[in-house]
Amino acid sequence: MSQSLKVLIVDDSRVSRMMSGALVKSLRPGAAVVEAADGAAALALINEAGADIGILDMNMPGMNGLELAEELHRQTPQLPLALLTANVQDSVRNRAEAQGVHFFRKPISEALIMQILDTLAPET
């Protein structure tokens, strides 16, 4: 799966997107990463390029990560999603779980990105 894995990373922080993307590529050689800085750009990308999994930030301008997850699931119901956020309130975690979105707590690290990849796109 890693040869064709396409990962959508949505975060308003350019540094976070770059860091997550670099870790995805190092952990899954051959994976493609598409990045968006906000929900609107992510929706345009998913319609244009598609993705196998999505890693979303919570706090972004426009729609937040859970609003984006709701719209992504409306368009592509089978798309596995992770919420990777520093917003660790129980209410956010509970809303994510209720939407079927896996919750992961920042800071971004190799181990955390590996955990997300193993959860959303286990290698066979």
PDB file of N, CA and C in Angstrom:
ATOM      1  N   MET A   1       0.808  -1.190   0.000  1.00  0.00           N
ATOM      2  CA  MET A   1       0.000   0.000   0.000  1.00  0.00           C
ATOM      3  C   MET A   1       0.857   1.262   0.000  1.00  0.00           C
ATOM      4  N   SER A   2       2.052   1.218   0.574  1.00  0.00           N
ATOM      5  CA  SER A   2       2.862   2.432   0.713  1.00  0.00           C
ATOM      6  C   SER A   2       3.270   3.025  -0.630  1.00  0.00           C
ATOM      7  N   GLN A   3       3.384   2.196  -1.671  1.00  0.00           N
ATOM      8  CA  GLN A   3       3.783   2.727  -2.974  1.00  0.00           C
ATOM      9  C   GLN A   3       2.732   3.669  -3.550  1.00  0.00           C
ATOM     10  N   SER A   4       1.457   3.405  -3.253  1.00  0.00           N
ATOM     11  CA  SER A   4       0.404   4.213  -3.844  1.00  0.00           C
ATOM     12  C   SER A   4      -0.339   5.056  -2.805  1.00  0.00           C
ATOM     13  N   LEU A   5       0.097   5.032  -1.568  1.00  0.00           N
ATOM     14  CA  LEU A   5      -0.602   5.763  -0.511  1.00  0.00           C
ATOM     15  C   LEU A   5      -0.552   7.265  -0.788  1.00  0.00           C
ATOM     16  N   LYS A   6      -1.732   7.894  -0.760  1.00  0.00           N
ATOM     17  CA  LYS A   6      -1.814   9.339  -0.925  1.00  0.00           C
ATOM     18  C   LYS A   6      -2.398   9.929   0.362  1.00  0.00           C
ATOM     19  N   VAL A   7      -1.633  10.835   0.978  1.00  0.00           N
ATOM     20  CA  VAL A   7      -1.993  11.398   2.270  1.00  0.00           C
ATOM     21  C   VAL A   7      -2.320  12.875   2.120  1.00  0.00           C
ATOM     22  N   LEU A   8      -3.525  13.248   2.559  1.00  0.00           N
ATOM     23  CA  LEU A   8      -3.938  14.642   2.613  1.00  0.00           C
ATOM     24  C   LEU A   8      -3.594  15.189   3.989  1.00  0.00           C
ATOM     25  N   ILE A   9      -2.791  16.253   4.038  1.00  0.00           N
ATOM     26  CA  ILE A   9      -2.435  16.905   5.305  1.00  0.00           C
ATOM     27  C   ILE A   9      -3.005  18.313   5.276  1.00  0.00           C
ATOM     28  N   VAL A  10      -3.855  18.623   6.263  1.00  0.00           N
ATOM     29  CA  VAL A  10      -4.506  19.932   6.330  1.00  0.00           C
ATOM     30  C   VAL A  10      -4.160  20.581   7.656  1.00  0.00           C
ATOM     31  N   ASP A  11      -3.427  21.677   7.583  1.00  0.00           N
ATOM     32  CA  ASP A  11      -3.015  22.415   8.783  1.00  0.00           C
ATOM     33  C   ASP A  11      -2.701  23.838   8.349  1.00  0.00           C
ATOM     34  N   ASP A  12      -3.126  24.815   9.120  1.00  0.00           N
ATOM     35  CA  ASP A  12      -2.843  26.201   8.748  1.00  0.00           C
ATOM     36  C   ASP A  12      -1.386  26.574   9.004  1.00  0.00           C
ATOM     37  N   SER A  13      -0.656  25.740   9.740  1.00  0.00           N
ATOM     38  CA  SER A  13       0.769  25.968   9.972  1.00  0.00           C
ATOM     39  C   SER A  13       1.588  25.293   8.871  1.00  0.00           C
ATOM     40  N   ARG A  14       2.284  26.105   8.095  1.00  0.00           N
ATOM     41  CA  ARG A  14       3.131  25.571   7.022  1.00  0.00           C
ATOM     42  C   ARG A  14       4.187  24.633   7.588  1.00  0.00           C
ATOM     43  N   VAL A  15       4.757  24.992   8.734  1.00  0.00           N
ATOM     44  CA  VAL A  15       5.791  24.166   9.370  1.00  0.00           C
ATOM     45  C   VAL A  15       5.220  22.799   9.756  1.00  0.00           C
ATOM     46  N   SER A  16       4.022  22.786  10.320  1.00  0.00           N
ATOM     47  CA  SER A  16       3.396  21.514  10.697  1.00  0.00           C
ATOM     48  C   SER A  16       3.130  20.648   9.477  1.00  0.00           C
ATOM     49  N   ARG A  17       2.647  21.267   8.391  1.00  0.00           N
ATOM     50  CA  ARG A  17       2.410  20.502   7.157  1.00  0.00           C
ATOM     51  C   ARG A  17       3.713  19.914   6.632  1.00  0.00           C
ATOM     52  N   MET A  18       4.758  20.736   6.590  1.00  0.00           N
ATOM     53  CA  MET A  18       6.047  20.265   6.067  1.00  0.00           C
ATOM     54  C   MET A  18       6.608  19.145   6.934  1.00  0.00           C
ATOM     55  N   MET A  19       6.532  19.319   8.239  1.00  0.00           N
ATOM     56  CA  MET A  19       7.066  18.318   9.161  1.00  0.00           C
ATOM     57  C   MET A  19       6.291  16.997   9.027  1.00  0.00           C
ATOM     58  N   SER A  20       4.977  17.070   9.033  1.00  0.00           N
ATOM     59  CA  SER A  20       4.155  15.856   8.893  1.00  0.00           C
ATOM     60  C   SER A  20       4.410  15.183   7.553  1.00  0.00           C
ATOM     61  N   GLY A  21       4.456  15.979   6.495  1.00  0.00           N
ATOM     62  CA  GLY A  21       4.690  15.433   5.165  1.00  0.00           C
ATOM     63  C   GLY A  21       6.037  14.745   5.041  1.00  0.00           C
ATOM     64  N   ALA A  22       7.064  15.375   5.585  1.00  0.00           N
ATOM     65  CA  ALA A  22       8.404  14.780   5.532  1.00  0.00           C
ATOM     66  C   ALA A  22       8.441  13.457   6.297  1.00  0.00           C
ATOM     67  N   LEU A  23       7.770  13.411   7.436  1.00  0.00           N
ATOM     68  CA  LEU A  23       7.741  12.169   8.220  1.00  0.00           C
ATOM     69  C   LEU A  23       6.958  11.079   7.502  1.00  0.00           C
ATOM     70  N   VAL A  24       5.838  11.430   6.887  1.00  0.00           N
ATOM     71  CA  VAL A  24       5.072  10.453   6.115  1.00  0.00           C
ATOM     72  C   VAL A  24       5.951   9.857   5.028  1.00  0.00           C
ATOM     73  N   LYS A  25       6.648  10.714   4.293  1.00  0.00           N
ATOM     74  CA  LYS A  25       7.491  10.239   3.186  1.00  0.00           C
ATOM     75  C   LYS A  25       8.664   9.394   3.676  1.00  0.00           C
ATOM     76  N   SER A  26       9.211   9.721   4.840  1.00  0.00           N
ATOM     77  CA  SER A  26      10.336   8.920   5.344  1.00  0.00           C
ATOM     78  C   SER A  26       9.861   7.573   5.891  1.00  0.00           C
ATOM     79  N   LEU A  27       8.650   7.549   6.461  1.00  0.00           N
ATOM     80  CA  LEU A  27       8.132   6.307   7.038  1.00  0.00           C
ATOM     81  C   LEU A  27       7.473   5.402   6.005  1.00  0.00           C
ATOM     82  N   ARG A  28       6.945   6.002   4.956  1.00  0.00           N
ATOM     83  CA  ARG A  28       6.299   5.253   3.877  1.00  0.00           C
ATOM     84  C   ARG A  28       6.876   5.720   2.544  1.00  0.00           C
ATOM     85  N   PRO A  29       8.088   5.258   2.215  1.00  0.00           N
ATOM     86  CA  PRO A  29       8.701   5.655   0.945  1.00  0.00           C
ATOM     87  C   PRO A  29       7.748   5.383  -0.215  1.00  0.00           C
ATOM     88  N   GLY A  30       7.650   6.331  -1.100  1.00  0.00           N
ATOM     89  CA  GLY A  30       6.743   6.202  -2.230  1.00  0.00           C
ATOM     90  C   GLY A  30       5.388   6.829  -1.988  1.00  0.00           C
ATOM     91  N   ALA A  31       5.078   7.173  -0.751  1.00  0.00           N
ATOM     92  CA  ALA A  31       3.797   7.815  -0.464  1.00  0.00           C
ATOM     93  C   ALA A  31       3.786   9.219  -1.063  1.00  0.00           C
ATOM     94  N   ALA A  32       2.623   9.632  -1.502  1.00  0.00           N
ATOM     95  CA  ALA A  32       2.442  10.988  -2.014  1.00  0.00           C
ATOM     96  C   ALA A  32       1.716  11.803  -0.948  1.00  0.00           C
ATOM     97  N   VAL A  33       2.134  13.043  -0.802  1.00  0.00           N
ATOM     98  CA  VAL A  33       1.517  13.937   0.169  1.00  0.00           C
ATOM     99  C   VAL A  33       0.932  15.126  -0.569  1.00  0.00           C
ATOM    100  N   VAL A  34      -0.315  15.443  -0.261  1.00  0.00           N
ATOM    101  CA  VAL A  34      -0.936  16.668  -0.758  1.00  0.00           C
ATOM    102  C   VAL A  34      -1.288  17.503   0.463  1.00  0.00           C
ATOM    103  N   GLU A  35      -1.008  18.800   0.381  1.00  0.00           N
ATOM    104  CA  GLU A  35      -1.160  19.683   1.534  1.00  0.00           C
ATOM    105  C   GLU A  35      -2.162  20.782   1.258  1.00  0.00           C
ATOM    106  N   ALA A  36      -2.885  21.162   2.319  1.00  0.00           N
ATOM    107  CA  ALA A  36      -3.797  22.293   2.250  1.00  0.00           C
ATOM    108  C   ALA A  36      -3.704  23.073   3.552  1.00  0.00           C
ATOM    109  N   ALA A  37      -3.851  24.406   3.446  1.00  0.00           N
ATOM    110  CA  ALA A  37      -3.749  25.271   4.615  1.00  0.00           C
ATOM    111  C   ALA A  37      -5.090  25.506   5.299  1.00  0.00           C
ATOM    112  N   ASP A  38      -6.183  25.104   4.651  1.00  0.00           N
ATOM    113  CA  ASP A  38      -7.496  25.296   5.263  1.00  0.00           C
ATOM    114  C   ASP A  38      -8.495  24.322   4.648  1.00  0.00           C
ATOM    115  N   GLY A  39      -9.693  24.327   5.206  1.00  0.00           N
ATOM    116  CA  GLY A  39     -10.713  23.388   4.772  1.00  0.00           C
ATOM    117  C   GLY A  39     -11.137  23.553   3.326  1.00  0.00           C
ATOM    118  N   ALA A  40     -11.309  24.793   2.882  1.00  0.00           N
ATOM    119  CA  ALA A  40     -11.737  25.029   1.501  1.00  0.00           C
ATOM    120  C   ALA A  40     -10.713  24.473   0.517  1.00  0.00           C
ATOM    121  N   ALA A  41      -9.443  24.724   0.777  1.00  0.00           N
ATOM    122  CA  ALA A  41      -8.390  24.201  -0.098  1.00  0.00           C
ATOM    123  C   ALA A  41      -8.360  22.674  -0.048  1.00  0.00           C
ATOM    124  N   ALA A  42      -8.598  22.107   1.127  1.00  0.00           N
ATOM    125  CA  ALA A  42      -8.607  20.648   1.267  1.00  0.00           C
ATOM    126  C   ALA A  42      -9.734  20.029   0.445  1.00  0.00           C
ATOM    127  N   LEU A  43     -10.902  20.647   0.479  1.00  0.00           N
ATOM    128  CA  LEU A  43     -12.031  20.116  -0.290  1.00  0.00           C
ATOM    129  C   LEU A  43     -11.766  20.192  -1.785  1.00  0.00           C
ATOM    130  N   ALA A  44     -11.140  21.266  -2.228  1.00  0.00           N
ATOM    131  CA  ALA A  44     -10.778  21.387  -3.642  1.00  0.00           C
ATOM    132  C   ALA A  44      -9.770  20.304  -4.017  1.00  0.00           C
ATOM    133  N   LEU A  45      -8.782  20.070  -3.154  1.00  0.00           N
ATOM    134  CA  LEU A  45      -7.758  19.053  -3.424  1.00  0.00           C
ATOM    135  C   LEU A  45      -8.345  17.657  -3.474  1.00  0.00           C
ATOM    136  N   ILE A  46      -9.213  17.352  -2.528  1.00  0.00           N
ATOM    137  CA  ILE A  46      -9.771  15.998  -2.474  1.00  0.00           C
ATOM    138  C   ILE A  46     -10.602  15.729  -3.725  1.00  0.00           C
ATOM    139  N   ASN A  47     -11.285  16.760  -4.221  1.00  0.00           N
ATOM    140  CA  ASN A  47     -12.076  16.604  -5.448  1.00  0.00           C
ATOM    141  C   ASN A  47     -11.175  16.450  -6.664  1.00  0.00           C
ATOM    142  N   GLU A  48     -10.043  17.146  -6.653  1.00  0.00           N
ATOM    143  CA  GLU A  48      -9.124  17.137  -7.788  1.00  0.00           C
ATOM    144  C   GLU A  48      -8.196  15.927  -7.780  1.00  0.00           C
ATOM    145  N   ALA A  49      -7.581  15.668  -6.636  1.00  0.00           N
ATOM    146  CA  ALA A  49      -6.509  14.673  -6.577  1.00  0.00           C
ATOM    147  C   ALA A  49      -6.865  13.411  -5.797  1.00  0.00           C
ATOM    148  N   GLY A  50      -7.888  13.484  -4.941  1.00  0.00           N
ATOM    149  CA  GLY A  50      -8.229  12.339  -4.110  1.00  0.00           C
ATOM    150  C   GLY A  50      -7.186  12.113  -3.024  1.00  0.00           C
ATOM    151  N   ALA A  51      -7.462  11.178  -2.134  1.00  0.00           N
ATOM    152  CA  ALA A  51      -6.528  10.797  -1.071  1.00  0.00           C
ATOM    153  C   ALA A  51      -6.981   9.468  -0.488  1.00  0.00           C
ATOM    154  N   ASP A  52      -6.033   8.764   0.112  1.00  0.00           N
ATOM    155  CA  ASP A  52      -6.343   7.500   0.784  1.00  0.00           C
ATOM    156  C   ASP A  52      -6.623   7.701   2.260  1.00  0.00           C
ATOM    157  N   ILE A  53      -5.962   8.693   2.859  1.00  0.00           N
ATOM    158  CA  ILE A  53      -6.175   9.030   4.257  1.00  0.00           C
ATOM    159  C   ILE A  53      -6.022  10.542   4.416  1.00  0.00           C
ATOM    160  N   GLY A  54      -6.545  11.071   5.513  1.00  0.00           N
ATOM    161  CA  GLY A  54      -6.407  12.497   5.790  1.00  0.00           C
ATOM    162  C   GLY A  54      -5.965  12.742   7.216  1.00  0.00           C
ATOM    163  N   ILE A  55      -5.061  13.708   7.376  1.00  0.00           N
ATOM    164  CA  ILE A  55      -4.579  14.135   8.691  1.00  0.00           C
ATOM    165  C   ILE A  55      -4.945  15.608   8.815  1.00  0.00           C
ATOM    166  N   LEU A  56      -5.817  15.928   9.763  1.00  0.00           N
ATOM    167  CA  LEU A  56      -6.385  17.262   9.876  1.00  0.00           C
ATOM    168  C   LEU A  56      -6.028  17.930  11.194  1.00  0.00           C
ATOM    169  N   ASP A  57      -5.754  19.223  11.139  1.00  0.00           N
ATOM    170  CA  ASP A  57      -5.611  20.038  12.340  1.00  0.00           C
ATOM    171  C   ASP A  57      -7.010  20.441  12.785  1.00  0.00           C
ATOM    172  N   MET A  58      -7.156  20.838  14.041  1.00  0.00           N
ATOM    173  CA  MET A  58      -8.455  21.269  14.539  1.00  0.00           C
ATOM    174  C   MET A  58      -8.688  22.757  14.299  1.00  0.00           C
ATOM    175  N   ASN A  59      -7.781  23.583  14.801  1.00  0.00           N
ATOM    176  CA  ASN A  59      -7.983  25.030  14.779  1.00  0.00           C
ATOM    177  C   ASN A  59      -7.378  25.632  13.522  1.00  0.00           C
ATOM    178  N   MET A  60      -8.268  25.991  12.589  1.00  0.00           N
ATOM    179  CA  MET A  60      -7.850  26.597  11.322  1.00  0.00           C
ATOM    180  C   MET A  60      -8.840  27.700  10.981  1.00  0.00           C
ATOM    181  N   PRO A  61      -8.412  28.656  10.156  1.00  0.00           N
ATOM    182  CA  PRO A  61      -9.363  29.685   9.712  1.00  0.00           C
ATOM    183  C   PRO A  61     -10.461  29.064   8.852  1.00  0.00           C
ATOM    184  N   GLY A  62     -11.626  29.684   8.877  1.00  0.00           N
ATOM    185  CA  GLY A  62     -12.749  29.128   8.121  1.00  0.00           C
ATOM    186  C   GLY A  62     -13.346  27.977   8.901  1.00  0.00           C
ATOM    187  N   MET A  63     -13.383  26.816   8.294  1.00  0.00           N
ATOM    188  CA  MET A  63     -13.934  25.653   9.001  1.00  0.00           C
ATOM    189  C   MET A  63     -12.853  24.983   9.832  1.00  0.00           C
ATOM    190  N   ASN A  64     -13.246  24.464  10.990  1.00  0.00           N
ATOM    191  CA  ASN A  64     -12.277  23.754  11.827  1.00  0.00           C
ATOM    192  C   ASN A  64     -12.143  22.308  11.342  1.00  0.00           C
ATOM    193  N   GLY A  65     -11.248  21.580  11.960  1.00  0.00           N
ATOM    194  CA  GLY A  65     -10.954  20.220  11.518  1.00  0.00           C
ATOM    195  C   GLY A  65     -12.134  19.274  11.572  1.00  0.00           C
ATOM    196  N   LEU A  66     -12.994  19.415  12.571  1.00  0.00           N
ATOM    197  CA  LEU A  66     -14.149  18.529  12.663  1.00  0.00           C
ATOM    198  C   LEU A  66     -15.230  18.894  11.655  1.00  0.00           C
ATOM    199  N   GLU A  67     -15.365  20.174  11.359  1.00  0.00           N
ATOM    200  CA  GLU A  67     -16.289  20.582  10.301  1.00  0.00           C
ATOM    201  C   GLU A  67     -15.791  20.060   8.954  1.00  0.00           C
ATOM    202  N   LEU A  68     -14.481  20.151   8.743  1.00  0.00           N
ATOM    203  CA  LEU A  68     -13.889  19.618   7.516  1.00  0.00           C
ATOM    204  C   LEU A  68     -14.084  18.108   7.441  1.00  0.00           C
ATOM    205  N   ALA A  69     -13.860  17.413   8.554  1.00  0.00           N
ATOM    206  CA  ALA A  69     -14.043  15.955   8.578  1.00  0.00           C
ATOM    207  C   ALA A  69     -15.473  15.586   8.204  1.00  0.00           C
ATOM    208  N   GLU A  70     -16.428  16.340   8.703  1.00  0.00           N
ATOM    209  CA  GLU A  70     -17.834  16.076   8.383  1.00  0.00           C
ATOM    210  C   GLU A  70     -18.076  16.208   6.879  1.00  0.00           C
ATOM    211  N   GLU A  71     -17.533  17.256   6.287  1.00  0.00           N
ATOM    212  CA  GLU A  71     -17.714  17.462   4.844  1.00  0.00           C
ATOM    213  C   GLU A  71     -16.957  16.409   4.029  1.00  0.00           C
ATOM    214  N   LEU A  72     -15.743  16.071   4.462  1.00  0.00           N
ATOM    215  CA  LEU A  72     -14.980  15.025   3.758  1.00  0.00           C
ATOM    216  C   LEU A  72     -15.718  13.696   3.811  1.00  0.00           C
ATOM    217  N   HIS A  73     -16.286  13.362   4.971  1.00  0.00           N
ATOM    218  CA  HIS A  73     -17.030  12.102   5.089  1.00  0.00           C
ATOM    219  C   HIS A  73     -18.316  12.137   4.265  1.00  0.00           C
ATOM    220  N   ARG A  74     -18.882  13.307   4.082  1.00  0.00           N
ATOM    221  CA  ARG A  74     -20.077  13.426   3.235  1.00  0.00           C
ATOM    222  C   ARG A  74     -19.698  13.109   1.778  1.00  0.00           C
ATOM    223  N   GLN A  75     -18.525  13.603   1.360  1.00  0.00           N
ATOM    224  CA  GLN A  75     -18.087  13.412  -0.025  1.00  0.00           C
ATOM    225  C   GLN A  75     -17.444  12.053  -0.259  1.00  0.00           C
ATOM    226  N   THR A  76     -16.653  11.600   0.703  1.00  0.00           N
ATOM    227  CA  THR A  76     -15.939  10.318   0.586  1.00  0.00           C
ATOM    228  C   THR A  76     -16.078   9.567   1.904  1.00  0.00           C
ATOM    229  N   PRO A  77     -17.206   8.885   2.103  1.00  0.00           N
ATOM    230  CA  PRO A  77     -17.534   8.274   3.401  1.00  0.00           C
ATOM    231  C   PRO A  77     -16.491   7.284   3.932  1.00  0.00           C
ATOM    232  N   GLN A  78     -15.756   6.645   3.032  1.00  0.00           N
ATOM    233  CA  GLN A  78     -14.795   5.623   3.470  1.00  0.00           C
ATOM    234  C   GLN A  78     -13.406   6.187   3.776  1.00  0.00           C
ATOM    235  N   LEU A  79     -13.205   7.491   3.620  1.00  0.00           N
ATOM    236  CA  LEU A  79     -11.882   8.097   3.828  1.00  0.00           C
ATOM    237  C   LEU A  79     -11.513   8.081   5.312  1.00  0.00           C
ATOM    238  N   PRO A  80     -10.455   7.350   5.699  1.00  0.00           N
ATOM    239  CA  PRO A  80     -10.016   7.353   7.092  1.00  0.00           C
ATOM    240  C   PRO A  80      -9.378   8.705   7.443  1.00  0.00           C
ATOM    241  N   LEU A  81      -9.770   9.244   8.599  1.00  0.00           N
ATOM    242  CA  LEU A  81      -9.281  10.554   9.003  1.00  0.00           C
ATOM    243  C   LEU A  81      -8.707  10.530  10.415  1.00  0.00           C
ATOM    244  N   ALA A  82      -7.676  11.365  10.600  1.00  0.00           N
ATOM    245  CA  ALA A  82      -7.088  11.586  11.915  1.00  0.00           C
ATOM    246  C   ALA A  82      -7.142  13.077  12.210  1.00  0.00           C
ATOM    247  N   LEU A  83      -7.471  13.407  13.447  1.00  0.00           N
ATOM    248  CA  LEU A  83      -7.391  14.782  13.915  1.00  0.00           C
ATOM    249  C   LEU A  83      -6.101  14.877  14.717  1.00  0.00           C
ATOM    250  N   LEU A  84      -5.149  15.648  14.212  1.00  0.00           N
ATOM    251  CA  LEU A  84      -3.849  15.830  14.861  1.00  0.00           C
ATOM    252  C   LEU A  84      -3.817  17.260  15.373  1.00  0.00           C
ATOM    253  N   THR A  85      -3.951  17.430  16.687  1.00  0.00           N
ATOM    254  CA  THR A  85      -4.189  18.759  17.229  1.00  0.00           C
ATOM    255  C   THR A  85      -3.565  18.965  18.596  1.00  0.00           C
ATOM    256  N   ALA A  86      -3.319  20.219  18.908  1.00  0.00           N
ATOM    257  CA  ALA A  86      -2.898  20.606  20.250  1.00  0.00           C
ATOM    258  C   ALA A  86      -4.114  20.904  21.116  1.00  0.00           C
ATOM    259  N   ASN A  87      -5.299  20.947  20.504  1.00  0.00           N
ATOM    260  CA  ASN A  87      -6.548  21.202  21.220  1.00  0.00           C
ATOM    261  C   ASN A  87      -7.022  19.885  21.817  1.00  0.00           C
ATOM    262  N   VAL A  88      -6.684  19.644  23.074  1.00  0.00           N
ATOM    263  CA  VAL A  88      -6.922  18.338  23.681  1.00  0.00           C
ATOM    264  C   VAL A  88      -8.111  18.327  24.642  1.00  0.00           C
ATOM    265  N   GLN A  89      -9.040  19.230  24.436  1.00  0.00           N
ATOM    266  CA  GLN A  89     -10.234  19.252  25.269  1.00  0.00           C
ATOM    267  C   GLN A  89     -11.029  17.957  25.083  1.00  0.00           C
ATOM    268  N   ASP A  90     -11.623  17.480  26.166  1.00  0.00           N
ATOM    269  CA  ASP A  90     -12.441  16.269  26.082  1.00  0.00           C
ATOM    270  C   ASP A  90     -13.568  16.420  25.072  1.00  0.00           C
ATOM    271  N   SER A  91     -14.144  17.619  24.983  1.00  0.00           N
ATOM    272  CA  SER A  91     -15.250  17.831  24.049  1.00  0.00           C
ATOM    273  C   SER A  91     -14.792  17.624  22.603  1.00  0.00           C
ATOM    274  N   VAL A  92     -13.577  18.056  22.285  1.00  0.00           N
ATOM    275  CA  VAL A  92     -13.045  17.865  20.930  1.00  0.00           C
ATOM    276  C   VAL A  92     -12.802  16.382  20.674  1.00  0.00           C
ATOM    277  N   ARG A  93     -12.185  15.724  21.628  1.00  0.00           N
ATOM    278  CA  ARG A  93     -11.920  14.280  21.491  1.00  0.00           C
ATOM    279  C   ARG A  93     -13.230  13.512  21.315  1.00  0.00           C
ATOM    280  N   ASN A  94     -14.229  13.837  22.125  1.00  0.00           N
ATOM    281  CA  ASN A  94     -15.509  13.137  22.053  1.00  0.00           C
ATOM    282  C   ASN A  94     -16.211  13.377  20.723  1.00  0.00           C
ATOM    283  N   ARG A  95     -16.174  14.615  20.233  1.00  0.00           N
ATOM    284  CA  ARG A  95     -16.784  14.926  18.933  1.00  0.00           C
ATOM    285  C   ARG A  95     -16.069  14.172  17.817  1.00  0.00           C
ATOM    286  N   ALA A  96     -14.741  14.118  17.900  1.00  0.00           N
ATOM    287  CA  ALA A  96     -13.976  13.379  16.892  1.00  0.00           C
ATOM    288  C   ALA A  96     -14.381  11.909  16.890  1.00  0.00           C
ATOM    289  N   GLU A  97     -14.410  11.308  18.052  1.00  0.00           N
ATOM    290  CA  GLU A  97     -14.771   9.891  18.149  1.00  0.00           C
ATOM    291  C   GLU A  97     -16.187   9.645  17.632  1.00  0.00           C
ATOM    292  N   ALA A  98     -17.110  10.561  17.940  1.00  0.00           N
ATOM    293  CA  ALA A  98     -18.494  10.417  17.479  1.00  0.00           C
ATOM    294  C   ALA A  98     -18.580  10.465  15.952  1.00  0.00           C
ATOM    295  N   GLN A  99     -17.652  11.174  15.312  1.00  0.00           N
ATOM    296  CA  GLN A  99     -17.622  11.276  13.854  1.00  0.00           C
ATOM    297  C   GLN A  99     -16.782  10.169  13.213  1.00  0.00           C
ATOM    298  N   GLY A 100     -16.185   9.313  14.014  1.00  0.00           N
ATOM    299  CA  GLY A 100     -15.335   8.266  13.464  1.00  0.00           C
ATOM    300  C   GLY A 100     -13.967   8.763  13.051  1.00  0.00           C
ATOM    301  N   VAL A 101     -13.542   9.879  13.652  1.00  0.00           N
ATOM    302  CA  VAL A 101     -12.232  10.470  13.359  1.00  0.00           C
ATOM    303  C   VAL A 101     -11.285  10.095  14.497  1.00  0.00           C
ATOM    304  N   HIS A 102     -10.134   9.547  14.153  1.00  0.00           N
ATOM    305  CA  HIS A 102      -9.143   9.160  15.158  1.00  0.00           C
ATOM    306  C   HIS A 102      -8.468  10.413  15.718  1.00  0.00           C
ATOM    307  N   PHE A 103      -8.306  10.471  17.023  1.00  0.00           N
ATOM    308  CA  PHE A 103      -7.772  11.652  17.703  1.00  0.00           C
ATOM    309  C   PHE A 103      -6.319  11.419  18.099  1.00  0.00           C
ATOM    310  N   PHE A 104      -5.447  12.361  17.723  1.00  0.00           N
ATOM    311  CA  PHE A 104      -4.031  12.296  18.080  1.00  0.00           C
ATOM    312  C   PHE A 104      -3.593  13.664  18.591  1.00  0.00           C
ATOM    313  N   ARG A 105      -2.772  13.653  19.603  1.00  0.00           N
ATOM    314  CA  ARG A 105      -2.328  14.873  20.265  1.00  0.00           C
ATOM    315  C   ARG A 105      -0.951  15.308  19.773  1.00  0.00           C
ATOM    316  N   LYS A 106      -0.846  16.587  19.349  1.00  0.00           N
ATOM    317  CA  LYS A 106       0.462  17.155  19.017  1.00  0.00           C
ATOM    318  C   LYS A 106       1.275  17.233  20.293  1.00  0.00           C
ATOM    319  N   PRO A 107       2.574  17.286  20.236  1.00  0.00           N
ATOM    320  CA  PRO A 107       3.428  17.698  19.131  1.00  0.00           C
ATOM    321  C   PRO A 107       3.685  16.571  18.126  1.00  0.00           C
ATOM    322  N   ILE A 108       3.987  17.000  16.919  1.00  0.00           N
ATOM    323  CA  ILE A 108       4.287  16.082  15.828  1.00  0.00           C
ATOM    324  C   ILE A 108       5.633  15.428  16.097  1.00  0.00           C
ATOM    325  N   SER A 109       5.663  14.112  15.943  1.00  0.00           N
ATOM    326  CA  SER A 109       6.915  13.361  16.095  1.00  0.00           C
ATOM    327  C   SER A 109       6.864  12.173  15.142  1.00  0.00           C
ATOM    328  N   GLU A 110       8.004  11.577  14.923  1.00  0.00           N
ATOM    329  CA  GLU A 110       8.065  10.394  14.064  1.00  0.00           C
ATOM    330  C   GLU A 110       7.180   9.281  14.608  1.00  0.00           C
ATOM    331  N   ALA A 111       7.235   9.058  15.913  1.00  0.00           N
ATOM    332  CA  ALA A 111       6.433   7.994  16.525  1.00  0.00           C
ATOM    333  C   ALA A 111       4.933   8.264  16.355  1.00  0.00           C
ATOM    334  N   LEU A 112       4.545   9.515  16.477  1.00  0.00           N
ATOM    335  CA  LEU A 112       3.133   9.863  16.347  1.00  0.00           C
ATOM    336  C   LEU A 112       2.652   9.690  14.907  1.00  0.00           C
ATOM    337  N   ILE A 113       3.440  10.141  13.941  1.00  0.00           N
ATOM    338  CA  ILE A 113       3.058   9.963  12.539  1.00  0.00           C
ATOM    339  C   ILE A 113       3.013   8.474  12.195  1.00  0.00           C
ATOM    340  N   MET A 114       3.934   7.694  12.728  1.00  0.00           N
ATOM    341  CA  MET A 114       3.908   6.242  12.516  1.00  0.00           C
ATOM    342  C   MET A 114       2.628   5.644  13.087  1.00  0.00           C
ATOM    343  N   GLN A 115       2.229   6.097  14.262  1.00  0.00           N
ATOM    344  CA  GLN A 115       0.994   5.606  14.884  1.00  0.00           C
ATOM    345  C   GLN A 115      -0.223   5.961  14.009  1.00  0.00           C
ATOM    346  N   ILE A 116      -0.248   7.172  13.490  1.00  0.00           N
ATOM    347  CA  ILE A 116      -1.349   7.582  12.615  1.00  0.00           C
ATOM    348  C   ILE A 116      -1.373   6.719  11.356  1.00  0.00           C
ATOM    349  N   LEU A 117      -0.228   6.537  10.726  1.00  0.00           N
ATOM    350  CA  LEU A 117      -0.156   5.713   9.511  1.00  0.00           C
ATOM    351  C   LEU A 117      -0.573   4.271   9.790  1.00  0.00           C
ATOM    352  N   ASP A 118      -0.112   3.728  10.899  1.00  0.00           N
ATOM    353  CA  ASP A 118      -0.461   2.351  11.249  1.00  0.00           C
ATOM    354  C   ASP A 118      -1.960   2.210  11.533  1.00  0.00           C
ATOM    355  N   THR A 119      -2.560   3.259  12.073  1.00  0.00           N
ATOM    356  CA  THR A 119      -3.986   3.233  12.374  1.00  0.00           C
ATOM    357  C   THR A 119      -4.831   3.401  11.122  1.00  0.00           C
ATOM    358  N   LEU A 120      -4.473   4.376  10.289  1.00  0.00           N
ATOM    359  CA  LEU A 120      -5.306   4.696   9.128  1.00  0.00           C
ATOM    360  C   LEU A 120      -4.989   3.876   7.885  1.00  0.00           C
ATOM    361  N   ALA A 121      -3.729   3.480   7.742  1.00  0.00           N
ATOM    362  CA  ALA A 121      -3.314   2.768   6.522  1.00  0.00           C
ATOM    363  C   ALA A 121      -2.279   1.710   6.852  1.00  0.00           C
ATOM    364  N   PRO A 122      -2.709   0.664   7.578  1.00  0.00           N
ATOM    365  CA  PRO A 122      -1.739  -0.372   7.931  1.00  0.00           C
ATOM    366  C   PRO A 122      -1.163  -1.026   6.680  1.00  0.00           C
ATOM    367  N   GLU A 123       0.123  -1.264   6.736  1.00  0.00           N
ATOM    368  CA  GLU A 123       0.783  -1.930   5.595  1.00  0.00           C
ATOM    369  C   GLU A 123       0.417  -3.403   5.604  1.00  0.00           C
ATOM    370  N   THR A 124       0.213  -3.937   4.426  1.00  0.00           N
ATOM    371  CA  THR A 124      -0.147  -5.355   4.334  1.00  0.00           C
ATOM    372  C   THR A 124       0.995  -6.159   3.777  1.00  0.00           C
TER     373      THR A 124
END
